[in-house]
Amino acid sequence: MTDPRRITVLGATGSIGASTLDVIARHPGRFAVAALAAHRRWPAMLELIERFRPACAAMLDPQAARQLDEAVKREGLPTRIVAGAEGLCEAAALEDVDTVVAGIVGAAGLASTLAAASAGKRILLANKETLVIAGGIFMTAVRDCGATLLPIDSEHNAIFQCLPAGRDGSRGRDGVRRILLTASGGPFRTTPASELARVTPEQACAHPRWRMGRKISIDSATMMNKGLETIEARWLFGLAPDEIEILVHPESIVHSLVEYRDGSVLAQLGNPDMRTPIAHALAWPDRVEAGITPLDLAQVGALSFAAPDPERFPCLALARQALVAGGTAPAILNAANEIAVAAFLEREIGFLDIADICAEALSQLPARPVTSLDDALEADRASRTLSLELASRHALSV
């Protein structure tokens, strides 16, 4: 028996964290929780500490960290509590940790994921914003610091599994013509465009296949998630924009495909459950049990595919625009989307205003080169400031 992999889970109280900890719990001799990190849900974190007994736990919100620290001491638990962005970075770079699951949603996960890369960790990446905001900087840190990067978004993990193996055990792209990222189409795949202006946050969060957090669910409903995944794929796999396509597949059984120059198309299939890509990356290059119901294709019966409707999903074109523009454009788009989605969830703007705000931010803020993390963060800040103003203007008409 080898020593278990010691794992930090960033975003432990979210959906990615829950799926990761479920897989870890199934293999106590193979994986061990060294540290946990989350935003502000300290009672949920306390339950995880009681169950997994990590040496360290981090809360981004300082007040939540204080409350958690008091509760941990009251319960006589030995876990050390750290706070703020610095605390998350510390949890990601602990010396005795070899694997970091980057599951924090949004730009809030950037610093800790970059810290894991700089510390040379094995990174299981679910935080797409890291690559969207600062892809070049992050990939340079991965390469220069000897980190290992394994995607656990279901689509990118599927692509990883279907790409040819490199000589070092990684994945290359010899003979690859293009990749096809599949998309469920979300809850509004067949909704008449005329009705989209009136949809509610509850309707937008009611995904027909996946159970996700509210922000990610809205991104699925607008298909901005697929646009951001296109940008992410460019960095993960070294592809040009015209080598990445999107295919709507409502059954969510085929998680993505790779087309080769000889006409072969390889696909990765499975029931829609995040534990599959997480288990694959946790154990890679081995395979372990993930607790998933086996796929029964006879019961599924048929699989359907279609091109996405650009009129119903304008966010796809905006993401492609940002990808082609490069530089700070993806960071501008991502920040505008985060602000707009938050405003929609608070019922301050309408569903269609999300794409409008993103388009206006891209139009008003010029894309500039990204030569340092500060360049990306400044673009993020500028876009958030502008997008808050834009959201206020749109709110007047709701």
Protein backbone atom coordinates (compact mmCIF):
# COMPACT_ATOMS: atom_id res chain seq x y z
CA MET A 1 0.00 0.00 0.00
CA THR A 2 1.25 3.47 -0.89
CA ASP A 3 0.46 6.46 1.29
CA PRO A 4 -2.90 8.06 0.49
CA ARG A 5 -2.99 11.18 -1.63
CA ARG A 6 -3.41 14.19 0.64
CA ILE A 7 -6.01 16.52 -0.78
CA THR A 8 -7.10 20.12 -0.34
CA VAL A 9 -10.67 20.80 -1.47
CA LEU A 10 -11.26 24.44 -2.43
CA GLY A 11 -15.00 25.09 -2.47
CA ALA A 12 -15.71 22.26 -0.05
CA THR A 13 -19.28 23.32 0.76
CA GLY A 14 -20.36 23.65 -2.89
CA SER A 15 -21.55 21.05 -5.37
CA ILE A 16 -18.06 20.20 -6.64
CA GLY A 17 -16.84 19.88 -3.08
CA ALA A 18 -19.72 17.58 -2.12
CA SER A 19 -19.08 15.29 -5.09
CA THR A 20 -15.34 15.24 -4.42
CA LEU A 21 -15.76 14.38 -0.75
CA ASP A 22 -18.24 11.64 -1.65
CA VAL A 23 -15.62 9.98 -3.88
CA ILE A 24 -12.87 10.48 -1.30
CA ALA A 25 -15.01 8.87 1.41
CA ARG A 26 -15.41 5.75 -0.74
CA HIS A 27 -11.63 5.21 -0.77
CA PRO A 28 -10.28 5.97 2.72
CA GLY A 29 -7.07 4.06 2.09
CA ARG A 30 -6.36 5.90 -1.15
CA PHE A 31 -7.31 9.52 -0.42
CA ALA A 32 -7.12 11.69 2.71
CA VAL A 33 -8.49 15.20 3.29
CA ALA A 34 -5.67 17.50 4.41
CA ALA A 35 -7.46 20.85 4.10
CA LEU A 36 -10.85 22.31 3.25
CA ALA A 37 -11.76 25.81 2.06
CA ALA A 38 -15.02 27.65 1.42
CA HIS A 39 -16.56 31.12 1.35
CA ARG A 40 -18.83 31.78 4.32
CA ARG A 41 -21.01 28.72 5.14
CA TRP A 42 -19.23 27.92 8.37
CA PRO A 43 -21.89 25.56 9.87
CA ALA A 44 -21.60 23.36 6.77
CA MET A 45 -17.81 23.54 7.06
CA LEU A 46 -18.00 22.52 10.72
CA GLU A 47 -19.90 19.37 9.73
CA LEU A 48 -17.20 18.53 7.18
CA ILE A 49 -14.45 19.10 9.75
CA GLU A 50 -16.19 16.76 12.18
CA ARG A 51 -16.43 14.11 9.48
CA PHE A 52 -13.05 14.38 7.70
CA ARG A 53 -10.82 15.88 10.44
CA PRO A 54 -8.57 17.99 8.18
CA ALA A 55 -5.49 19.65 9.67
CA CYS A 56 -6.51 23.01 8.20
CA ALA A 57 -9.71 24.76 7.11
CA ALA A 58 -9.97 28.15 5.42
CA MET A 59 -12.91 30.55 5.14
CA LEU A 60 -12.72 33.43 2.67
CA ASP A 61 -15.07 35.52 4.83
CA PRO A 62 -13.17 36.61 8.01
CA GLN A 63 -16.32 36.75 10.16
CA ALA A 64 -17.24 33.20 9.13
CA ALA A 65 -13.68 32.13 9.94
CA ARG A 66 -13.98 33.59 13.46
CA GLN A 67 -17.29 31.81 14.04
CA LEU A 68 -15.87 28.55 12.72
CA ASP A 69 -12.75 28.90 14.89
CA GLU A 70 -14.91 29.38 17.99
CA ALA A 71 -17.04 26.35 17.10
CA VAL A 72 -14.01 24.15 16.41
CA LYS A 73 -12.45 25.05 19.75
CA ARG A 74 -15.76 24.54 21.51
CA GLU A 75 -16.01 21.04 20.04
CA GLY A 76 -12.39 20.25 20.89
CA LEU A 77 -11.43 19.64 17.27
CA PRO A 78 -7.74 20.01 16.32
CA THR A 79 -8.32 21.68 12.92
CA ARG A 80 -6.49 24.99 12.44
CA ILE A 81 -8.67 27.77 10.99
CA VAL A 82 -7.27 30.39 8.58
CA ALA A 83 -9.08 33.31 6.97
CA GLY A 84 -9.31 35.47 3.87
CA ALA A 85 -7.73 35.09 0.46
CA GLU A 86 -4.39 34.47 2.17
CA GLY A 87 -5.91 31.60 4.11
CA LEU A 88 -7.26 29.98 0.96
CA CYS A 89 -3.84 30.31 -0.69
CA GLU A 90 -2.22 28.75 2.38
CA ALA A 91 -4.60 25.78 2.24
CA ALA A 92 -3.82 25.35 -1.46
CA ALA A 93 -0.06 25.38 -0.98
CA LEU A 94 0.38 23.30 2.20
CA GLU A 95 3.64 21.39 2.04
CA ASP A 96 2.12 17.98 2.82
CA VAL A 97 -0.67 18.38 0.22
CA ASP A 98 -0.09 16.83 -3.19
CA THR A 99 -3.54 17.33 -4.79
CA VAL A 100 -5.75 20.43 -4.87
CA VAL A 101 -9.35 20.33 -6.09
CA ALA A 102 -10.10 23.85 -7.38
CA GLY A 103 -13.88 24.03 -7.04
CA ILE A 104 -14.47 27.64 -6.01
CA VAL A 105 -16.88 29.35 -8.42
CA GLY A 106 -15.95 32.62 -10.09
CA ALA A 107 -13.00 34.99 -9.87
CA ALA A 108 -12.81 34.31 -6.11
CA GLY A 109 -11.05 31.04 -6.90
CA LEU A 110 -8.26 32.57 -8.99
CA ALA A 111 -5.67 33.38 -6.31
CA SER A 112 -5.84 30.04 -4.51
CA THR A 113 -5.74 28.05 -7.74
CA LEU A 114 -2.71 30.04 -8.88
CA ALA A 115 -1.11 29.41 -5.49
CA ALA A 116 -1.56 25.66 -6.01
CA ALA A 117 0.10 25.92 -9.43
CA SER A 118 3.00 27.95 -8.05
CA ALA A 119 3.48 25.29 -5.35
CA GLY A 120 3.71 22.57 -8.02
CA LYS A 121 0.59 20.70 -6.92
CA ARG A 122 -1.51 18.24 -8.84
CA ILE A 123 -4.52 20.44 -9.65
CA LEU A 124 -8.01 19.13 -10.39
CA LEU A 125 -9.52 22.15 -12.08
CA ALA A 126 -13.22 22.96 -11.95
CA ASN A 127 -12.75 26.73 -11.62
CA LYS A 128 -12.97 27.79 -15.27
CA GLU A 129 -12.54 31.46 -14.41
CA THR A 130 -8.85 30.86 -13.62
CA LEU A 131 -8.21 30.10 -17.28
CA VAL A 132 -10.71 32.65 -18.58
CA ILE A 133 -9.23 35.55 -16.59
CA ALA A 134 -5.54 34.65 -16.60
CA GLY A 135 -5.06 31.60 -18.80
CA GLY A 136 -1.59 32.45 -20.07
CA ILE A 137 -0.26 33.32 -16.62
CA PHE A 138 -1.79 30.23 -15.02
CA MET A 139 -0.52 27.82 -17.70
CA THR A 140 2.95 29.34 -17.43
CA ALA A 141 2.91 28.75 -13.66
CA VAL A 142 1.76 25.15 -14.20
CA ARG A 143 4.61 24.54 -16.63
CA ASP A 144 7.37 26.42 -14.82
CA CYS A 145 6.55 25.10 -11.34
CA GLY A 146 6.05 21.47 -12.33
CA ALA A 147 2.36 21.31 -11.50
CA THR A 148 0.04 18.70 -13.03
CA LEU A 149 -3.28 19.95 -14.43
CA LEU A 150 -6.30 17.66 -14.74
CA PRO A 151 -9.69 19.12 -15.77
CA ILE A 152 -12.80 17.98 -13.90
CA ASP A 153 -15.44 19.96 -15.76
CA SER A 154 -17.32 17.07 -17.35
CA GLU A 155 -16.71 18.36 -20.89
CA HIS A 156 -13.00 19.07 -20.53
CA ASN A 157 -12.42 15.86 -18.64
CA ALA A 158 -14.13 14.02 -21.51
CA ILE A 159 -11.83 15.75 -24.01
CA PHE A 160 -8.83 14.83 -21.87
CA GLN A 161 -9.89 11.19 -21.90
CA CYS A 162 -10.35 11.20 -25.69
CA LEU A 163 -7.09 12.93 -26.63
CA PRO A 164 -4.04 10.86 -27.59
CA ALA A 165 -1.65 10.01 -24.77
CA GLY A 166 1.61 11.95 -24.74
CA ARG A 167 4.95 10.31 -24.16
CA ASP A 168 5.03 11.61 -20.60
CA GLY A 169 1.61 10.19 -19.74
CA SER A 170 -0.15 13.49 -20.32
CA ARG A 171 -2.44 14.24 -23.25
CA GLY A 172 -1.29 15.56 -26.61
CA ARG A 173 -3.07 16.58 -29.78
CA ASP A 174 -1.36 14.60 -32.53
CA GLY A 175 -3.76 14.06 -35.42
CA VAL A 176 -6.59 16.08 -33.82
CA ARG A 177 -8.74 18.13 -36.19
CA ARG A 178 -11.16 19.67 -33.67
CA ILE A 179 -12.98 19.13 -30.40
CA LEU A 180 -16.73 19.26 -29.87
CA LEU A 181 -17.94 20.46 -26.48
CA THR A 182 -21.42 19.16 -25.79
CA ALA A 183 -24.06 21.28 -24.09
CA SER A 184 -27.39 20.22 -22.65
CA GLY A 185 -29.02 23.45 -23.84
CA GLY A 186 -30.24 24.12 -20.31
CA PRO A 187 -33.85 24.68 -19.29
CA PHE A 188 -34.65 27.04 -22.19
CA ARG A 189 -33.43 24.95 -25.11
CA THR A 190 -36.90 24.89 -26.68
CA THR A 191 -38.46 27.93 -25.00
CA PRO A 192 -39.70 30.47 -27.55
CA ALA A 193 -37.35 33.44 -27.64
CA SER A 194 -40.33 35.73 -27.08
CA GLU A 195 -40.85 34.23 -23.61
CA LEU A 196 -37.28 34.54 -22.32
CA ALA A 197 -37.70 38.12 -21.11
CA ARG A 198 -40.16 36.91 -18.44
CA VAL A 199 -38.31 33.91 -17.02
CA THR A 200 -37.58 33.86 -13.29
CA PRO A 201 -34.42 32.86 -11.40
CA GLU A 202 -36.22 29.72 -10.22
CA GLN A 203 -37.00 28.69 -13.80
CA ALA A 204 -33.45 29.43 -14.92
CA CYS A 205 -31.98 27.35 -12.08
CA ALA A 206 -34.18 24.32 -12.86
CA HIS A 207 -31.65 22.45 -14.98
CA PRO A 208 -33.16 19.34 -16.58
CA ARG A 209 -30.06 17.14 -16.11
CA TRP A 210 -27.49 18.55 -13.69
CA ARG A 211 -27.77 19.74 -10.08
CA MET A 212 -25.47 22.73 -9.68
CA GLY A 213 -25.07 25.97 -7.74
CA ARG A 214 -27.23 28.95 -8.66
CA LYS A 215 -24.57 30.92 -10.53
CA ILE A 216 -23.50 27.95 -12.66
CA SER A 217 -27.15 27.08 -13.30
CA ILE A 218 -27.80 30.55 -14.70
CA ASP A 219 -24.69 30.27 -16.87
CA SER A 220 -26.09 27.02 -18.22
CA ALA A 221 -29.42 28.67 -18.98
CA THR A 222 -27.72 31.45 -20.96
CA MET A 223 -25.10 29.01 -22.29
CA MET A 224 -22.42 31.43 -21.10
CA ASN A 225 -20.93 28.40 -19.36
CA LYS A 226 -20.27 26.84 -22.75
CA GLY A 227 -18.79 30.07 -24.05
CA LEU A 228 -16.42 30.23 -21.08
CA GLU A 229 -15.60 26.55 -21.56
CA THR A 230 -14.55 27.35 -25.13
CA ILE A 231 -12.05 29.89 -23.78
CA GLU A 232 -10.93 27.38 -21.16
CA ALA A 233 -10.41 24.67 -23.80
CA ARG A 234 -8.17 27.01 -25.77
CA TRP A 235 -5.75 27.11 -22.83
CA LEU A 236 -6.12 23.54 -21.63
CA PHE A 237 -5.52 21.93 -24.99
CA GLY A 238 -3.62 24.56 -27.00
CA LEU A 239 -6.34 24.92 -29.62
CA ALA A 240 -7.24 27.72 -32.01
CA PRO A 241 -10.76 29.20 -31.85
CA ASP A 242 -11.79 27.50 -35.10
CA GLU A 243 -10.78 24.11 -33.68
CA ILE A 244 -13.40 24.28 -30.91
CA GLU A 245 -17.11 23.79 -31.63
CA ILE A 246 -20.24 23.43 -29.51
CA LEU A 247 -22.89 20.78 -30.00
CA VAL A 248 -26.22 20.73 -28.16
CA HIS A 249 -26.92 17.28 -26.73
CA PRO A 250 -29.92 17.40 -24.34
CA GLU A 251 -29.52 13.86 -22.96
CA SER A 252 -26.12 14.80 -21.42
CA ILE A 253 -24.78 11.30 -22.02
CA VAL A 254 -21.98 12.17 -24.46
CA HIS A 255 -19.85 14.60 -22.48
CA SER A 256 -17.68 15.75 -25.40
CA LEU A 257 -15.95 14.45 -28.52
CA VAL A 258 -12.62 14.65 -30.33
CA GLU A 259 -12.45 14.45 -34.12
CA TYR A 260 -9.23 13.22 -35.73
CA ARG A 261 -7.82 13.94 -39.17
CA ASP A 262 -8.48 10.37 -40.33
CA GLY A 263 -12.23 10.81 -39.77
CA SER A 264 -12.37 9.03 -36.42
CA VAL A 265 -14.48 10.65 -33.70
CA LEU A 266 -13.92 9.54 -30.10
CA ALA A 267 -16.49 10.33 -27.42
CA GLN A 268 -16.68 9.86 -23.67
CA LEU A 269 -20.09 8.73 -22.38
CA GLY A 270 -21.58 8.35 -18.94
CA ASN A 271 -24.56 9.20 -16.79
CA PRO A 272 -24.61 12.92 -15.88
CA ASP A 273 -22.88 12.88 -12.50
CA MET A 274 -19.86 14.98 -11.56
CA ARG A 275 -18.42 12.13 -9.53
CA THR A 276 -17.29 10.45 -12.75
CA PRO A 277 -14.82 13.13 -13.93
CA ILE A 278 -13.79 13.81 -10.33
CA ALA A 279 -13.03 10.13 -9.67
CA HIS A 280 -11.16 9.91 -12.97
CA ALA A 281 -8.92 12.86 -12.08
CA LEU A 282 -8.44 11.87 -8.43
CA ALA A 283 -7.16 8.43 -9.37
CA TRP A 284 -5.54 9.22 -12.77
CA PRO A 285 -3.93 7.34 -14.42
CA ASP A 286 -5.81 4.62 -12.50
CA ARG A 287 -9.59 4.12 -12.31
CA VAL A 288 -11.66 3.80 -9.13
CA GLU A 289 -15.28 3.29 -8.17
CA ALA A 290 -17.24 6.56 -8.18
CA GLY A 291 -20.64 5.40 -6.89
CA ILE A 292 -22.28 5.99 -10.27
CA THR A 293 -25.18 4.01 -11.70
CA PRO A 294 -23.85 2.18 -14.79
CA LEU A 295 -24.90 3.66 -18.12
CA ASP A 296 -27.65 1.63 -19.80
CA LEU A 297 -27.70 2.72 -23.44
CA ALA A 298 -30.61 0.43 -24.25
CA GLN A 299 -32.67 2.25 -21.65
CA VAL A 300 -31.53 5.65 -22.93
CA GLY A 301 -32.69 4.53 -26.35
CA ALA A 302 -31.60 7.47 -28.50
CA LEU A 303 -29.13 10.33 -28.45
CA SER A 304 -29.81 13.61 -30.23
CA PHE A 305 -27.55 16.45 -31.34
CA ALA A 306 -28.12 19.90 -32.80
CA ALA A 307 -26.28 23.14 -33.45
CA PRO A 308 -26.91 25.81 -30.80
CA ASP A 309 -29.40 28.56 -31.67
CA PRO A 310 -27.40 31.83 -31.80
CA GLU A 311 -30.54 33.95 -31.40
CA ARG A 312 -31.64 32.17 -28.23
CA PHE A 313 -28.09 32.05 -26.82
CA PRO A 314 -26.28 35.32 -27.69
CA CYS A 315 -23.72 34.70 -24.94
CA LEU A 316 -22.04 32.13 -27.16
CA ALA A 317 -21.16 34.76 -29.75
CA LEU A 318 -19.95 37.11 -27.02
CA ALA A 319 -17.60 34.46 -25.65
CA ARG A 320 -16.30 33.73 -29.14
CA GLN A 321 -15.74 37.46 -29.63
CA ALA A 322 -13.74 37.62 -26.39
CA LEU A 323 -11.75 34.52 -27.31
CA VAL A 324 -10.74 35.93 -30.68
CA ALA A 325 -9.93 39.37 -29.22
CA GLY A 326 -7.78 37.80 -26.51
CA GLY A 327 -5.87 39.81 -23.94
CA THR A 328 -8.15 41.17 -21.23
CA ALA A 329 -11.37 40.60 -23.21
CA PRO A 330 -12.21 37.25 -21.54
CA ALA A 331 -11.66 38.79 -18.08
CA ILE A 332 -13.96 41.69 -19.01
CA LEU A 333 -16.63 39.27 -20.19
CA ASN A 334 -16.37 37.02 -17.15
CA ALA A 335 -16.63 39.90 -14.67
CA ALA A 336 -19.59 41.44 -16.50
CA ASN A 337 -21.33 38.09 -16.49
CA GLU A 338 -20.78 37.56 -12.76
CA ILE A 339 -22.26 40.98 -11.97
CA ALA A 340 -25.20 40.50 -14.35
CA VAL A 341 -26.00 37.00 -13.07
CA ALA A 342 -25.93 38.23 -9.45
CA ALA A 343 -28.30 41.07 -10.36
CA PHE A 344 -30.66 38.65 -12.11
CA LEU A 345 -30.67 36.29 -9.12
CA GLU A 346 -31.61 39.29 -6.95
CA ARG A 347 -34.44 40.09 -9.42
CA GLU A 348 -32.89 43.46 -10.20
CA ILE A 349 -32.63 42.84 -13.95
CA GLY A 350 -34.28 40.54 -16.47
CA PHE A 351 -32.87 37.36 -17.95
CA LEU A 352 -32.13 38.92 -21.35
CA ASP A 353 -30.29 41.80 -19.66
CA ILE A 354 -27.46 39.41 -18.77
CA ALA A 355 -26.26 39.16 -22.36
CA ASP A 356 -26.91 42.86 -22.98
CA ILE A 357 -24.72 43.92 -20.05
CA CYS A 358 -21.93 41.58 -21.17
CA ALA A 359 -22.08 42.96 -24.70
CA GLU A 360 -21.97 46.56 -23.47
CA ALA A 361 -18.98 45.84 -21.22
CA LEU A 362 -17.04 44.27 -24.10
CA SER A 363 -17.94 47.21 -26.30
CA GLN A 364 -16.98 49.94 -23.83
CA LEU A 365 -13.79 48.44 -22.39
CA PRO A 366 -11.00 47.88 -24.92
CA ALA A 367 -9.07 44.63 -24.77
CA ARG A 368 -5.44 45.07 -23.69
CA PRO A 369 -2.53 42.64 -23.50
CA VAL A 370 -2.12 40.57 -20.33
CA THR A 371 1.53 40.67 -19.29
CA SER A 372 0.95 40.15 -15.57
CA LEU A 373 -1.75 39.07 -13.15
CA ASP A 374 -2.30 42.74 -12.31
CA ASP A 375 -3.36 43.37 -15.92
CA ALA A 376 -6.04 40.69 -15.67
CA LEU A 377 -7.20 41.81 -12.23
CA GLU A 378 -7.41 45.46 -13.30
CA ALA A 379 -9.59 44.45 -16.27
CA ASP A 380 -11.74 42.42 -13.89
CA ARG A 381 -12.13 45.41 -11.55
CA ALA A 382 -12.91 47.84 -14.37
CA SER A 383 -15.51 45.52 -15.82
CA ARG A 384 -17.20 45.00 -12.46
CA THR A 385 -17.42 48.74 -11.87
CA LEU A 386 -18.88 49.37 -15.31
CA SER A 387 -21.23 46.38 -15.12
CA LEU A 388 -22.67 47.52 -11.81
CA GLU A 389 -23.52 50.84 -13.47
CA LEU A 390 -25.01 49.04 -16.47
CA ALA A 391 -27.06 46.77 -14.22
CA SER A 392 -28.46 49.83 -12.42
CA ARG A 393 -29.55 51.32 -15.73
CA HIS A 394 -31.16 48.08 -16.85
CA ALA A 395 -32.93 47.79 -13.49
CA LEU A 396 -34.93 50.91 -14.26
CA SER A 397 -36.76 49.07 -17.03
CA VAL A 398 -37.49 45.82 -15.12
